[in-house]
Amino acid sequence: MTTFVLLALMTLVILVLAALVLYLTDRFNMLERETHDLLRKLQDAQAKPTGPYAGLSGKALWDAVTGLEVGALDELTLDGVRKRYRLLLADHIHWIFHEGVGDVAKGFDKVPGNSRTLRTPKAQVESWLPPEAVAEIYRCGQGYAVGDPEALPTLRERLDQACAQLHSQCALEPGQPASQLLMPPKPEAAAAGESPSAGALVTPATPRTPVLPSSE
């Protein structure tokens, strides 16, 4: 009788231990799967572009919006980046033009670099533009500051062509001509139906968005 009881107890203990091992094994496998899923989600989150321009800035951002090098961006993401890029492009153009205007007043003559860190509503983004476009916009700003009425029509045409070329490279509609925003006539000249007088320094409206020095 005693032997039978011992055997029954041993059998029960073995069954309990087996059930415990199976339970722990199942829990371990479940935790392992959850850990793998969490790590995969973290990796996907790190790999996924973030920010208003999908984590891009500078030359890489320009290459993406112009289609030179889109990287891992899908067409939907790239389209959203390109639409938001219009404001960044406008701010960069305005800043370059006003540099030309301001340098005339200071007696400077130095084309700025083609990279500039600009403040957007959500972040600070480095913008890059082709050097030839930067030089052309800067020279137009200088010419406008000089105020030669005979040169203004040509300057307006040059500015509009340079800006239209940038928009075309980015597959963006040009919109309102840049000269209408950046090259308004002086109030007294507009009232008389004339261009600004020669030699007068005309300062356009200040840029719409404050800018910060480039990290370069």
N, C-alpha and C. Protein backbone atom coordinates (compact mmCIF):
# COMPACT_ATOMS: atom_id res chain seq x y z
N MET A 1 0.82 -1.20 0.00
CA MET A 1 0.00 0.00 0.00
C MET A 1 0.86 1.27 0.00
N THR A 2 1.88 1.20 0.86
CA THR A 2 2.80 2.36 0.95
C THR A 2 3.50 2.59 -0.37
N THR A 3 3.93 1.47 -1.00
CA THR A 3 4.63 1.57 -2.29
C THR A 3 3.71 2.20 -3.35
N PHE A 4 2.47 1.81 -3.35
CA PHE A 4 1.51 2.35 -4.31
C PHE A 4 1.33 3.86 -4.12
N VAL A 5 1.24 4.28 -2.88
CA VAL A 5 1.08 5.72 -2.58
C VAL A 5 2.29 6.50 -3.04
N LEU A 6 3.48 5.94 -2.78
CA LEU A 6 4.72 6.63 -3.20
C LEU A 6 4.78 6.76 -4.71
N LEU A 7 4.41 5.68 -5.40
CA LEU A 7 4.42 5.72 -6.87
C LEU A 7 3.43 6.75 -7.39
N ALA A 8 2.26 6.82 -6.73
CA ALA A 8 1.25 7.80 -7.16
C ALA A 8 1.75 9.23 -6.94
N LEU A 9 2.40 9.43 -5.77
CA LEU A 9 2.94 10.77 -5.50
C LEU A 9 4.03 11.14 -6.50
N MET A 10 4.93 10.19 -6.80
CA MET A 10 6.01 10.45 -7.75
C MET A 10 5.45 10.76 -9.14
N THR A 11 4.40 10.01 -9.51
CA THR A 11 3.78 10.25 -10.82
C THR A 11 3.16 11.64 -10.88
N LEU A 12 2.51 12.01 -9.75
CA LEU A 12 1.89 13.34 -9.70
C LEU A 12 2.93 14.44 -9.79
N VAL A 13 4.03 14.25 -9.06
CA VAL A 13 5.11 15.26 -9.09
C VAL A 13 5.68 15.38 -10.49
N ILE A 14 5.89 14.26 -11.14
CA ILE A 14 6.44 14.27 -12.50
C ILE A 14 5.50 14.99 -13.46
N LEU A 15 4.21 14.71 -13.30
CA LEU A 15 3.22 15.37 -14.17
C LEU A 15 3.20 16.88 -13.93
N VAL A 16 3.27 17.27 -12.64
CA VAL A 16 3.29 18.70 -12.32
C VAL A 16 4.53 19.37 -12.90
N LEU A 17 5.69 18.70 -12.72
CA LEU A 17 6.93 19.26 -13.26
C LEU A 17 6.88 19.35 -14.78
N ALA A 18 6.32 18.34 -15.44
CA ALA A 18 6.21 18.36 -16.91
C ALA A 18 5.31 19.51 -17.37
N ALA A 19 4.18 19.68 -16.66
CA ALA A 19 3.27 20.78 -17.01
C ALA A 19 3.95 22.13 -16.80
N LEU A 20 4.73 22.24 -15.71
CA LEU A 20 5.44 23.49 -15.43
C LEU A 20 6.48 23.78 -16.50
N VAL A 21 7.20 22.76 -16.92
CA VAL A 21 8.20 22.93 -17.98
C VAL A 21 7.53 23.37 -19.28
N LEU A 22 6.41 22.73 -19.62
CA LEU A 22 5.70 23.11 -20.84
C LEU A 22 5.19 24.55 -20.77
N TYR A 23 4.69 24.95 -19.59
CA TYR A 23 4.19 26.31 -19.42
C TYR A 23 5.31 27.33 -19.56
N LEU A 24 6.43 27.05 -18.88
CA LEU A 24 7.57 27.97 -18.94
C LEU A 24 8.14 28.06 -20.36
N THR A 25 8.17 26.92 -21.04
CA THR A 25 8.68 26.92 -22.41
C THR A 25 7.79 27.77 -23.32
N ASP A 26 6.48 27.60 -23.14
CA ASP A 26 5.54 28.39 -23.95
C ASP A 26 5.67 29.89 -23.65
N ARG A 27 5.81 30.24 -22.36
CA ARG A 27 5.97 31.64 -21.99
C ARG A 27 7.28 32.21 -22.56
N PHE A 28 8.33 31.42 -22.50
CA PHE A 28 9.62 31.87 -23.03
C PHE A 28 9.52 32.13 -24.53
N ASN A 29 8.87 31.20 -25.25
CA ASN A 29 8.72 31.38 -26.70
C ASN A 29 7.88 32.61 -27.02
N MET A 30 6.84 32.86 -26.22
CA MET A 30 6.00 34.02 -26.45
C MET A 30 6.78 35.31 -26.20
N LEU A 31 7.55 35.35 -25.13
CA LEU A 31 8.38 36.53 -24.84
C LEU A 31 9.42 36.76 -25.93
N GLU A 32 9.96 35.67 -26.45
CA GLU A 32 10.96 35.80 -27.51
C GLU A 32 10.33 36.40 -28.77
N ARG A 33 9.11 35.92 -29.11
CA ARG A 33 8.42 36.46 -30.28
C ARG A 33 8.10 37.94 -30.09
N GLU A 34 7.61 38.31 -28.88
CA GLU A 34 7.29 39.70 -28.61
C GLU A 34 8.53 40.59 -28.68
N THR A 35 9.66 40.06 -28.20
CA THR A 35 10.93 40.82 -28.26
C THR A 35 11.36 41.04 -29.70
N HIS A 36 11.25 40.00 -30.51
CA HIS A 36 11.61 40.12 -31.93
C HIS A 36 10.71 41.13 -32.64
N ASP A 37 9.42 41.09 -32.32
CA ASP A 37 8.48 42.03 -32.94
C ASP A 37 8.81 43.47 -32.54
N LEU A 38 9.14 43.66 -31.26
CA LEU A 38 9.47 45.01 -30.77
C LEU A 38 10.75 45.52 -31.44
N LEU A 39 11.75 44.66 -31.54
CA LEU A 39 13.00 45.06 -32.19
C LEU A 39 12.78 45.40 -33.66
N ARG A 40 11.94 44.62 -34.33
CA ARG A 40 11.65 44.90 -35.74
C ARG A 40 10.93 46.22 -35.90
N LYS A 41 9.99 46.53 -34.99
CA LYS A 41 9.28 47.80 -35.06
C LYS A 41 10.23 48.98 -34.82
N LEU A 42 11.15 48.79 -33.87
CA LEU A 42 12.12 49.85 -33.59
C LEU A 42 13.04 50.09 -34.80
N GLN A 43 13.45 49.01 -35.43
CA GLN A 43 14.30 49.13 -36.62
C GLN A 43 13.55 49.81 -37.76
N ASP A 44 12.28 49.45 -37.92
CA ASP A 44 11.48 50.08 -38.98
C ASP A 44 11.28 51.57 -38.70
N ALA A 45 11.09 51.90 -37.41
CA ALA A 45 10.90 53.31 -37.06
C ALA A 45 12.16 54.12 -37.32
N GLN A 46 13.32 53.50 -37.03
CA GLN A 46 14.59 54.19 -37.27
C GLN A 46 14.87 54.32 -38.75
N ALA A 47 14.48 53.33 -39.52
CA ALA A 47 14.74 53.37 -40.96
C ALA A 47 13.78 54.27 -41.70
N LYS A 48 12.60 54.50 -41.12
CA LYS A 48 11.59 55.31 -41.80
C LYS A 48 11.98 56.79 -41.72
N PRO A 49 12.01 57.50 -42.86
CA PRO A 49 12.35 58.92 -42.85
C PRO A 49 11.35 59.72 -42.01
N THR A 50 11.88 60.70 -41.26
CA THR A 50 11.03 61.53 -40.42
C THR A 50 11.26 63.00 -40.74
N GLY A 51 10.35 63.83 -40.23
CA GLY A 51 10.49 65.26 -40.44
C GLY A 51 9.71 65.73 -41.65
N PRO A 52 9.59 67.06 -41.81
CA PRO A 52 8.80 67.60 -42.92
C PRO A 52 9.36 67.27 -44.29
N TYR A 53 10.65 66.95 -44.35
CA TYR A 53 11.28 66.63 -45.63
C TYR A 53 11.86 65.22 -45.61
N ALA A 54 11.15 64.32 -44.90
CA ALA A 54 11.52 62.90 -44.84
C ALA A 54 12.94 62.71 -44.35
N GLY A 55 13.38 63.58 -43.45
CA GLY A 55 14.72 63.45 -42.88
C GLY A 55 15.83 63.94 -43.79
N LEU A 56 15.49 64.52 -44.94
CA LEU A 56 16.50 64.98 -45.89
C LEU A 56 16.81 66.46 -45.69
N SER A 57 18.00 66.86 -46.07
CA SER A 57 18.37 68.27 -46.03
C SER A 57 19.55 68.48 -46.97
N GLY A 58 19.84 69.76 -47.25
CA GLY A 58 20.99 70.08 -48.07
C GLY A 58 20.92 69.51 -49.47
N LYS A 59 22.07 69.06 -49.97
CA LYS A 59 22.17 68.53 -51.32
C LYS A 59 21.30 67.28 -51.50
N ALA A 60 21.19 66.46 -50.46
CA ALA A 60 20.37 65.25 -50.56
C ALA A 60 18.90 65.61 -50.80
N LEU A 61 18.43 66.67 -50.15
CA LEU A 61 17.04 67.11 -50.34
C LEU A 61 16.85 67.62 -51.77
N TRP A 62 17.79 68.40 -52.25
CA TRP A 62 17.70 68.90 -53.63
C TRP A 62 17.71 67.74 -54.63
N ASP A 63 18.58 66.78 -54.43
CA ASP A 63 18.65 65.62 -55.34
C ASP A 63 17.34 64.84 -55.34
N ALA A 64 16.69 64.78 -54.18
CA ALA A 64 15.43 64.04 -54.09
C ALA A 64 14.31 64.76 -54.85
N VAL A 65 14.14 66.06 -54.59
CA VAL A 65 13.03 66.78 -55.22
C VAL A 65 13.25 66.98 -56.72
N THR A 66 14.50 66.94 -57.16
CA THR A 66 14.76 67.06 -58.59
C THR A 66 14.82 65.70 -59.28
N GLY A 67 14.68 64.62 -58.51
CA GLY A 67 14.66 63.29 -59.09
C GLY A 67 16.03 62.71 -59.39
N LEU A 68 17.10 63.38 -58.95
CA LEU A 68 18.44 62.85 -59.22
C LEU A 68 18.75 61.63 -58.37
N GLU A 69 18.32 61.66 -57.12
CA GLU A 69 18.57 60.55 -56.21
C GLU A 69 17.49 60.55 -55.14
N VAL A 70 16.47 59.70 -55.31
CA VAL A 70 15.34 59.68 -54.37
C VAL A 70 15.57 58.70 -53.23
N GLY A 71 16.59 57.86 -53.32
CA GLY A 71 16.87 56.92 -52.24
C GLY A 71 15.73 55.94 -52.04
N ALA A 72 15.33 55.75 -50.78
CA ALA A 72 14.27 54.79 -50.45
C ALA A 72 12.89 55.43 -50.39
N LEU A 73 12.77 56.68 -50.81
CA LEU A 73 11.48 57.35 -50.75
C LEU A 73 10.52 56.79 -51.79
N ASP A 74 9.30 56.48 -51.36
CA ASP A 74 8.29 56.06 -52.32
C ASP A 74 7.68 57.30 -52.97
N GLU A 75 6.92 57.11 -54.01
CA GLU A 75 6.40 58.22 -54.80
C GLU A 75 5.47 59.11 -53.98
N LEU A 76 4.67 58.51 -53.11
CA LEU A 76 3.74 59.29 -52.30
C LEU A 76 4.50 60.20 -51.33
N THR A 77 5.51 59.64 -50.67
CA THR A 77 6.31 60.43 -49.74
C THR A 77 7.05 61.54 -50.46
N LEU A 78 7.62 61.21 -51.61
CA LEU A 78 8.36 62.20 -52.39
C LEU A 78 7.45 63.33 -52.85
N ASP A 79 6.22 63.01 -53.22
CA ASP A 79 5.29 64.04 -53.65
C ASP A 79 4.98 65.00 -52.51
N GLY A 80 4.81 64.46 -51.30
CA GLY A 80 4.57 65.31 -50.14
C GLY A 80 5.77 66.20 -49.83
N VAL A 81 6.97 65.63 -49.93
CA VAL A 81 8.19 66.41 -49.70
C VAL A 81 8.30 67.53 -50.72
N ARG A 82 8.01 67.23 -51.97
CA ARG A 82 8.13 68.23 -53.04
C ARG A 82 7.14 69.39 -52.82
N LYS A 83 5.93 69.09 -52.37
CA LYS A 83 4.94 70.14 -52.13
C LYS A 83 5.39 71.07 -51.00
N ARG A 84 5.95 70.48 -49.93
CA ARG A 84 6.43 71.31 -48.82
C ARG A 84 7.70 72.06 -49.20
N TYR A 85 8.44 71.52 -50.16
CA TYR A 85 9.70 72.14 -50.55
C TYR A 85 9.49 73.50 -51.21
N ARG A 86 8.32 73.73 -51.77
CA ARG A 86 8.05 75.01 -52.44
C ARG A 86 8.31 76.20 -51.51
N LEU A 87 7.87 76.11 -50.25
CA LEU A 87 8.06 77.19 -49.29
C LEU A 87 9.54 77.36 -48.94
N LEU A 88 10.23 76.25 -48.78
CA LEU A 88 11.66 76.31 -48.47
C LEU A 88 12.43 76.94 -49.61
N LEU A 89 12.08 76.57 -50.84
CA LEU A 89 12.73 77.15 -52.02
C LEU A 89 12.48 78.65 -52.09
N ALA A 90 11.25 79.07 -51.84
CA ALA A 90 10.93 80.50 -51.88
C ALA A 90 11.72 81.27 -50.82
N ASP A 91 11.83 80.70 -49.62
CA ASP A 91 12.57 81.38 -48.57
C ASP A 91 14.05 81.50 -48.92
N HIS A 92 14.61 80.47 -49.54
CA HIS A 92 16.03 80.51 -49.91
C HIS A 92 16.26 81.56 -51.01
N ILE A 93 15.37 81.60 -51.98
CA ILE A 93 15.48 82.60 -53.05
C ILE A 93 15.40 84.01 -52.47
N HIS A 94 14.46 84.23 -51.58
CA HIS A 94 14.30 85.55 -50.97
C HIS A 94 15.56 85.94 -50.21
N TRP A 95 16.12 84.99 -49.46
CA TRP A 95 17.31 85.30 -48.67
C TRP A 95 18.48 85.68 -49.58
N ILE A 96 18.70 84.92 -50.65
CA ILE A 96 19.81 85.23 -51.57
C ILE A 96 19.63 86.61 -52.18
N PHE A 97 18.41 86.90 -52.63
CA PHE A 97 18.14 88.20 -53.25
C PHE A 97 18.41 89.34 -52.28
N HIS A 98 17.95 89.20 -51.04
CA HIS A 98 18.15 90.25 -50.05
C HIS A 98 19.62 90.36 -49.64
N GLU A 99 20.37 89.29 -49.74
CA GLU A 99 21.81 89.40 -49.52
C GLU A 99 22.43 90.32 -50.55
N GLY A 100 22.00 90.17 -51.81
CA GLY A 100 22.51 91.05 -52.86
C GLY A 100 22.14 92.50 -52.61
N VAL A 101 20.90 92.74 -52.20
CA VAL A 101 20.45 94.10 -51.90
C VAL A 101 21.25 94.69 -50.74
N GLY A 102 21.38 93.92 -49.68
CA GLY A 102 22.08 94.41 -48.49
C GLY A 102 23.56 94.64 -48.72
N ASP A 103 24.19 93.79 -49.53
CA ASP A 103 25.63 93.93 -49.77
C ASP A 103 25.96 95.20 -50.54
N VAL A 104 25.05 95.66 -51.38
CA VAL A 104 25.29 96.92 -52.09
C VAL A 104 25.36 98.06 -51.08
N ALA A 105 24.45 98.07 -50.12
CA ALA A 105 24.46 99.12 -49.10
C ALA A 105 25.72 99.06 -48.23
N LYS A 106 26.24 97.85 -48.02
CA LYS A 106 27.43 97.68 -47.19
C LYS A 106 28.73 97.82 -47.98
N GLY A 107 28.61 97.87 -49.30
CA GLY A 107 29.80 97.94 -50.13
C GLY A 107 30.47 96.59 -50.33
N PHE A 108 29.73 95.50 -50.10
CA PHE A 108 30.27 94.16 -50.28
C PHE A 108 29.91 93.63 -51.66
N ASP A 109 30.69 92.67 -52.11
CA ASP A 109 30.39 91.98 -53.37
C ASP A 109 30.88 90.54 -53.26
N LYS A 110 30.08 89.72 -52.63
CA LYS A 110 30.47 88.33 -52.42
C LYS A 110 29.24 87.44 -52.55
N VAL A 111 29.23 86.60 -53.56
CA VAL A 111 28.12 85.66 -53.75
C VAL A 111 28.08 84.69 -52.58
N PRO A 112 26.94 84.53 -51.92
CA PRO A 112 26.87 83.62 -50.77
C PRO A 112 27.02 82.16 -51.21
N GLY A 113 27.31 81.32 -50.23
CA GLY A 113 27.39 79.90 -50.50
C GLY A 113 26.04 79.35 -50.92
N ASN A 114 26.05 78.19 -51.53
CA ASN A 114 24.79 77.65 -52.04
C ASN A 114 24.03 76.81 -51.01
N SER A 115 24.51 76.78 -49.77
CA SER A 115 23.78 76.12 -48.68
C SER A 115 23.39 77.15 -47.64
N ARG A 116 22.19 76.98 -47.10
CA ARG A 116 21.70 77.89 -46.08
C ARG A 116 20.74 77.17 -45.17
N THR A 117 20.89 77.35 -43.85
CA THR A 117 19.97 76.75 -42.90
C THR A 117 18.82 77.70 -42.67
N LEU A 118 17.62 77.24 -42.96
CA LEU A 118 16.42 78.06 -42.87
C LEU A 118 15.48 77.50 -41.81
N ARG A 119 14.77 78.39 -41.16
CA ARG A 119 13.81 77.99 -40.13
C ARG A 119 12.45 77.76 -40.77
N THR A 120 11.89 76.59 -40.55
CA THR A 120 10.54 76.27 -41.03
C THR A 120 9.62 76.20 -39.81
N PRO A 121 8.30 76.12 -40.01
CA PRO A 121 7.39 76.05 -38.86
C PRO A 121 7.67 74.85 -37.95
N LYS A 122 8.27 73.78 -38.48
CA LYS A 122 8.46 72.57 -37.69
C LYS A 122 9.92 72.28 -37.36
N ALA A 123 10.85 72.85 -38.10
CA ALA A 123 12.25 72.48 -37.89
C ALA A 123 13.17 73.48 -38.58
N GLN A 124 14.46 73.29 -38.38
CA GLN A 124 15.48 74.03 -39.12
C GLN A 124 16.03 73.09 -40.18
N VAL A 125 16.02 73.52 -41.42
CA VAL A 125 16.40 72.66 -42.53
C VAL A 125 17.47 73.34 -43.37
N GLU A 126 18.48 72.59 -43.73
CA GLU A 126 19.51 73.12 -44.62
C GLU A 126 19.01 73.02 -46.06
N SER A 127 19.05 74.14 -46.76
CA SER A 127 18.64 74.18 -48.16
C SER A 127 19.87 74.36 -49.04
N TRP A 128 19.88 73.66 -50.15
CA TRP A 128 20.99 73.73 -51.11
C TRP A 128 20.44 74.07 -52.48
N LEU A 129 21.09 75.01 -53.17
CA LEU A 129 20.70 75.37 -54.53
C LEU A 129 21.95 75.39 -55.41
N PRO A 130 21.79 75.14 -56.71
CA PRO A 130 22.94 75.15 -57.62
C PRO A 130 23.66 76.48 -57.56
N PRO A 131 24.98 76.49 -57.57
CA PRO A 131 25.75 77.74 -57.43
C PRO A 131 25.46 78.77 -58.51
N GLU A 132 25.19 78.31 -59.75
CA GLU A 132 24.92 79.27 -60.81
C GLU A 132 23.60 80.01 -60.56
N ALA A 133 22.61 79.32 -59.99
CA ALA A 133 21.33 79.97 -59.66
C ALA A 133 21.51 80.96 -58.51
N VAL A 134 22.30 80.57 -57.52
CA VAL A 134 22.58 81.46 -56.38
C VAL A 134 23.24 82.75 -56.87
N ALA A 135 24.24 82.61 -57.75
CA ALA A 135 24.94 83.79 -58.26
C ALA A 135 24.01 84.70 -59.05
N GLU A 136 23.15 84.13 -59.87
CA GLU A 136 22.25 84.93 -60.70
C GLU A 136 21.25 85.70 -59.84
N ILE A 137 20.66 85.03 -58.84
CA ILE A 137 19.69 85.70 -57.97
C ILE A 137 20.37 86.80 -57.16
N TYR A 138 21.58 86.52 -56.69
CA TYR A 138 22.34 87.51 -55.93
C TYR A 138 22.63 88.74 -56.78
N ARG A 139 23.06 88.55 -58.02
CA ARG A 139 23.36 89.68 -58.91
C ARG A 139 22.10 90.49 -59.22
N CYS A 140 20.98 89.81 -59.32
CA CYS A 140 19.72 90.53 -59.55
C CYS A 140 19.39 91.41 -58.35
N GLY A 141 19.64 90.90 -57.15
CA GLY A 141 19.43 91.71 -55.96
C GLY A 141 20.32 92.93 -55.93
N GLN A 142 21.58 92.75 -56.32
CA GLN A 142 22.51 93.89 -56.39
C GLN A 142 22.02 94.93 -57.41
N GLY A 143 21.63 94.44 -58.58
CA GLY A 143 21.17 95.35 -59.62
C GLY A 143 19.94 96.12 -59.20
N TYR A 144 19.04 95.45 -58.50
CA TYR A 144 17.83 96.12 -58.04
C TYR A 144 18.15 97.20 -57.01
N ALA A 145 19.14 96.90 -56.15
CA ALA A 145 19.52 97.88 -55.13
C ALA A 145 20.11 99.13 -55.75
N VAL A 146 20.84 98.99 -56.86
CA VAL A 146 21.40 100.15 -57.55
C VAL A 146 20.29 101.04 -58.08
N GLY A 147 19.23 100.45 -58.59
CA GLY A 147 18.04 101.21 -58.98
C GLY A 147 18.11 101.87 -60.33
N ASP A 148 18.91 101.36 -61.26
CA ASP A 148 18.96 101.93 -62.61
C ASP A 148 17.67 101.58 -63.34
N PRO A 149 16.83 102.53 -63.68
CA PRO A 149 15.53 102.21 -64.30
C PRO A 149 15.68 101.52 -65.64
N GLU A 150 16.76 101.78 -66.37
CA GLU A 150 16.94 101.14 -67.67
C GLU A 150 17.30 99.67 -67.53
N ALA A 151 17.90 99.32 -66.40
CA ALA A 151 18.33 97.93 -66.21
C ALA A 151 17.24 97.07 -65.57
N LEU A 152 16.23 97.70 -64.98
CA LEU A 152 15.22 96.94 -64.23
C LEU A 152 14.47 95.91 -65.08
N PRO A 153 14.01 96.23 -66.30
CA PRO A 153 13.30 95.20 -67.07
C PRO A 153 14.15 93.96 -67.31
N THR A 154 15.43 94.16 -67.62
CA THR A 154 16.32 93.01 -67.84
C THR A 154 16.54 92.24 -66.55
N LEU A 155 16.71 92.96 -65.44
CA LEU A 155 16.91 92.30 -64.15
C LEU A 155 15.69 91.46 -63.77
N ARG A 156 14.52 92.01 -63.99
CA ARG A 156 13.29 91.26 -63.67
C ARG A 156 13.20 89.99 -64.52
N GLU A 157 13.55 90.11 -65.77
CA GLU A 157 13.50 88.95 -66.65
C GLU A 157 14.52 87.89 -66.22
N ARG A 158 15.71 88.33 -65.85
CA ARG A 158 16.74 87.39 -65.39
C ARG A 158 16.32 86.69 -64.11
N LEU A 159 15.75 87.45 -63.18
CA LEU A 159 15.32 86.85 -61.91
C LEU A 159 14.21 85.84 -62.14
N ASP A 160 13.23 86.20 -62.96
CA ASP A 160 12.12 85.28 -63.24
C ASP A 160 12.61 84.02 -63.94
N GLN A 161 13.54 84.16 -64.85
CA GLN A 161 14.08 82.99 -65.56
C GLN A 161 14.84 82.08 -64.61
N ALA A 162 15.66 82.67 -63.72
CA ALA A 162 16.42 81.86 -62.78
C ALA A 162 15.49 81.10 -61.83
N CYS A 163 14.46 81.78 -61.33
CA CYS A 163 13.53 81.13 -60.40
C CYS A 163 12.66 80.09 -61.11
N ALA A 164 12.25 80.40 -62.33
CA ALA A 164 11.45 79.44 -63.09
C ALA A 164 12.26 78.18 -63.38
N GLN A 165 13.55 78.35 -63.64
CA GLN A 165 14.41 77.19 -63.89
C GLN A 165 14.51 76.30 -62.65
N LEU A 166 14.64 76.91 -61.48
CA LEU A 166 14.70 76.14 -60.25
C LEU A 166 13.40 75.38 -60.02
N HIS A 167 12.27 76.02 -60.23
CA HIS A 167 10.98 75.35 -60.06
C HIS A 167 10.82 74.22 -61.06
N SER A 168 11.27 74.44 -62.28
CA SER A 168 11.17 73.40 -63.30
C SER A 168 12.00 72.18 -62.92
N GLN A 169 13.20 72.40 -62.39
CA GLN A 169 14.05 71.29 -61.98
C GLN A 169 13.40 70.48 -60.87
N CYS A 170 12.61 71.15 -60.04
CA CYS A 170 11.95 70.48 -58.92
C CYS A 170 10.55 69.98 -59.28
N ALA A 171 10.17 70.11 -60.56
CA ALA A 171 8.84 69.71 -61.02
C ALA A 171 7.74 70.46 -60.28
N LEU A 172 7.97 71.76 -60.05
CA LEU A 172 6.99 72.62 -59.38
C LEU A 172 6.52 73.71 -60.33
N GLU A 173 5.27 74.08 -60.21
CA GLU A 173 4.76 75.21 -60.99
C GLU A 173 5.39 76.49 -60.47
N PRO A 174 5.85 77.38 -61.35
CA PRO A 174 6.51 78.61 -60.90
C PRO A 174 5.65 79.50 -60.02
N GLY A 175 4.36 79.57 -60.32
CA GLY A 175 3.50 80.45 -59.54
C GLY A 175 3.72 81.91 -59.91
N GLN A 176 3.54 82.80 -58.94
CA GLN A 176 3.70 84.22 -59.19
C GLN A 176 5.16 84.54 -59.51
N PRO A 177 5.42 85.34 -60.55
CA PRO A 177 6.81 85.69 -60.89
C PRO A 177 7.54 86.29 -59.69
N ALA A 178 8.77 85.86 -59.50
CA ALA A 178 9.54 86.34 -58.35
C ALA A 178 9.76 87.83 -58.39
N SER A 179 9.86 88.40 -59.58
CA SER A 179 10.12 89.84 -59.70
C SER A 179 8.97 90.67 -59.14
N GLN A 180 7.76 90.14 -59.17
CA GLN A 180 6.62 90.88 -58.63
C GLN A 180 6.70 90.97 -57.11
N LEU A 181 7.32 89.98 -56.48
CA LEU A 181 7.45 89.97 -55.04
C LEU A 181 8.72 90.68 -54.57
N LEU A 182 9.79 90.51 -55.31
CA LEU A 182 11.09 90.99 -54.86
C LEU A 182 11.53 92.30 -55.49
N MET A 183 10.90 92.72 -56.58
CA MET A 183 11.32 93.94 -57.27
C MET A 183 10.16 94.93 -57.44
N PRO A 184 9.47 95.30 -56.36
CA PRO A 184 8.39 96.28 -56.50
C PRO A 184 8.98 97.66 -56.74
N PRO A 185 8.26 98.54 -57.47
CA PRO A 185 8.73 99.92 -57.64
C PRO A 185 8.60 100.70 -56.35
N LYS A 186 9.38 101.76 -56.22
CA LYS A 186 9.22 102.64 -55.06
C LYS A 186 7.83 103.24 -55.07
N PRO A 187 7.26 103.54 -53.90
CA PRO A 187 5.90 104.10 -53.86
C PRO A 187 5.74 105.34 -54.73
N GLU A 188 6.72 106.25 -54.69
CA GLU A 188 6.58 107.46 -55.48
C GLU A 188 6.71 107.17 -56.97
N ALA A 189 7.56 106.18 -57.30
CA ALA A 189 7.71 105.82 -58.71
C ALA A 189 6.46 105.13 -59.22
N ALA A 190 5.86 104.29 -58.36
CA ALA A 190 4.64 103.60 -58.77
C ALA A 190 3.51 104.59 -59.00
N ALA A 191 3.44 105.63 -58.15
CA ALA A 191 2.39 106.63 -58.30
C ALA A 191 2.56 107.41 -59.59
N ALA A 192 3.82 107.60 -60.00
CA ALA A 192 4.10 108.33 -61.24
C ALA A 192 4.11 107.43 -62.45
N GLY A 193 3.96 106.12 -62.22
CA GLY A 193 3.99 105.17 -63.33
C GLY A 193 5.37 104.97 -63.88
N GLU A 194 6.40 105.17 -63.02
CA GLU A 194 7.77 105.04 -63.47
C GLU A 194 8.49 104.02 -62.61
N SER A 195 9.68 103.63 -63.10
CA SER A 195 10.56 102.74 -62.34
C SER A 195 11.31 103.58 -61.33
N PRO A 196 11.96 102.95 -60.33
CA PRO A 196 12.73 103.69 -59.34
C PRO A 196 13.83 104.49 -60.02
N SER A 197 14.13 105.66 -59.45
CA SER A 197 15.13 106.53 -60.06
C SER A 197 16.51 105.93 -59.98
N ALA A 198 17.36 106.28 -60.92
CA ALA A 198 18.70 105.74 -60.98
C ALA A 198 19.48 106.15 -59.75
N GLY A 199 20.30 105.23 -59.28
CA GLY A 199 21.18 105.49 -58.15
C GLY A 199 20.48 105.40 -56.81
N ALA A 200 19.18 105.24 -56.78
CA ALA A 200 18.48 105.16 -55.49
C ALA A 200 18.53 103.75 -54.97
N LEU A 201 18.76 103.60 -53.71
CA LEU A 201 18.80 102.28 -53.08
C LEU A 201 17.40 101.92 -52.63
N VAL A 202 16.88 100.84 -53.19
CA VAL A 202 15.52 100.40 -52.87
C VAL A 202 15.62 99.10 -52.12
N THR A 203 15.01 99.02 -50.96
CA THR A 203 15.07 97.81 -50.15
C THR A 203 13.72 97.13 -50.19
N PRO A 204 13.63 95.91 -50.77
CA PRO A 204 12.37 95.18 -50.81
C PRO A 204 11.92 94.79 -49.41
N ALA A 205 10.72 94.23 -49.36
CA ALA A 205 10.20 93.76 -48.08
C ALA A 205 11.13 92.72 -47.51
N THR A 206 11.18 92.63 -46.20
CA THR A 206 12.05 91.68 -45.55
C THR A 206 11.57 90.27 -45.81
N PRO A 207 12.48 89.28 -45.71
CA PRO A 207 12.07 87.89 -45.98
C PRO A 207 10.95 87.45 -45.07
N ARG A 208 10.14 86.53 -45.55
CA ARG A 208 8.98 86.07 -44.80
C ARG A 208 9.38 85.23 -43.60
N THR A 209 10.53 84.56 -43.69
CA THR A 209 10.90 83.61 -42.65
C THR A 209 12.29 83.95 -42.14
N PRO A 210 12.52 84.05 -40.83
CA PRO A 210 13.87 84.32 -40.32
C PRO A 210 14.81 83.21 -40.69
N VAL A 211 16.07 83.52 -40.87
CA VAL A 211 17.05 82.54 -41.29
C VAL A 211 18.16 82.46 -40.27
N LEU A 212 18.85 81.36 -40.25
CA LEU A 212 19.96 81.13 -39.34
C LEU A 212 21.21 80.87 -40.16
N PRO A 213 22.37 81.16 -39.58
CA PRO A 213 23.62 80.92 -40.33
C PRO A 213 23.77 79.46 -40.67
N SER A 214 24.39 79.19 -41.79
CA SER A 214 24.63 77.82 -42.23
C SER A 214 25.66 77.18 -41.34
N SER A 215 25.54 75.87 -41.18
CA SER A 215 26.51 75.13 -40.39
C SER A 215 27.82 74.93 -41.11
N GLU A 216 27.84 75.25 -42.42
CA GLU A 216 29.05 75.06 -43.18
C GLU A 216 30.07 76.16 -42.85
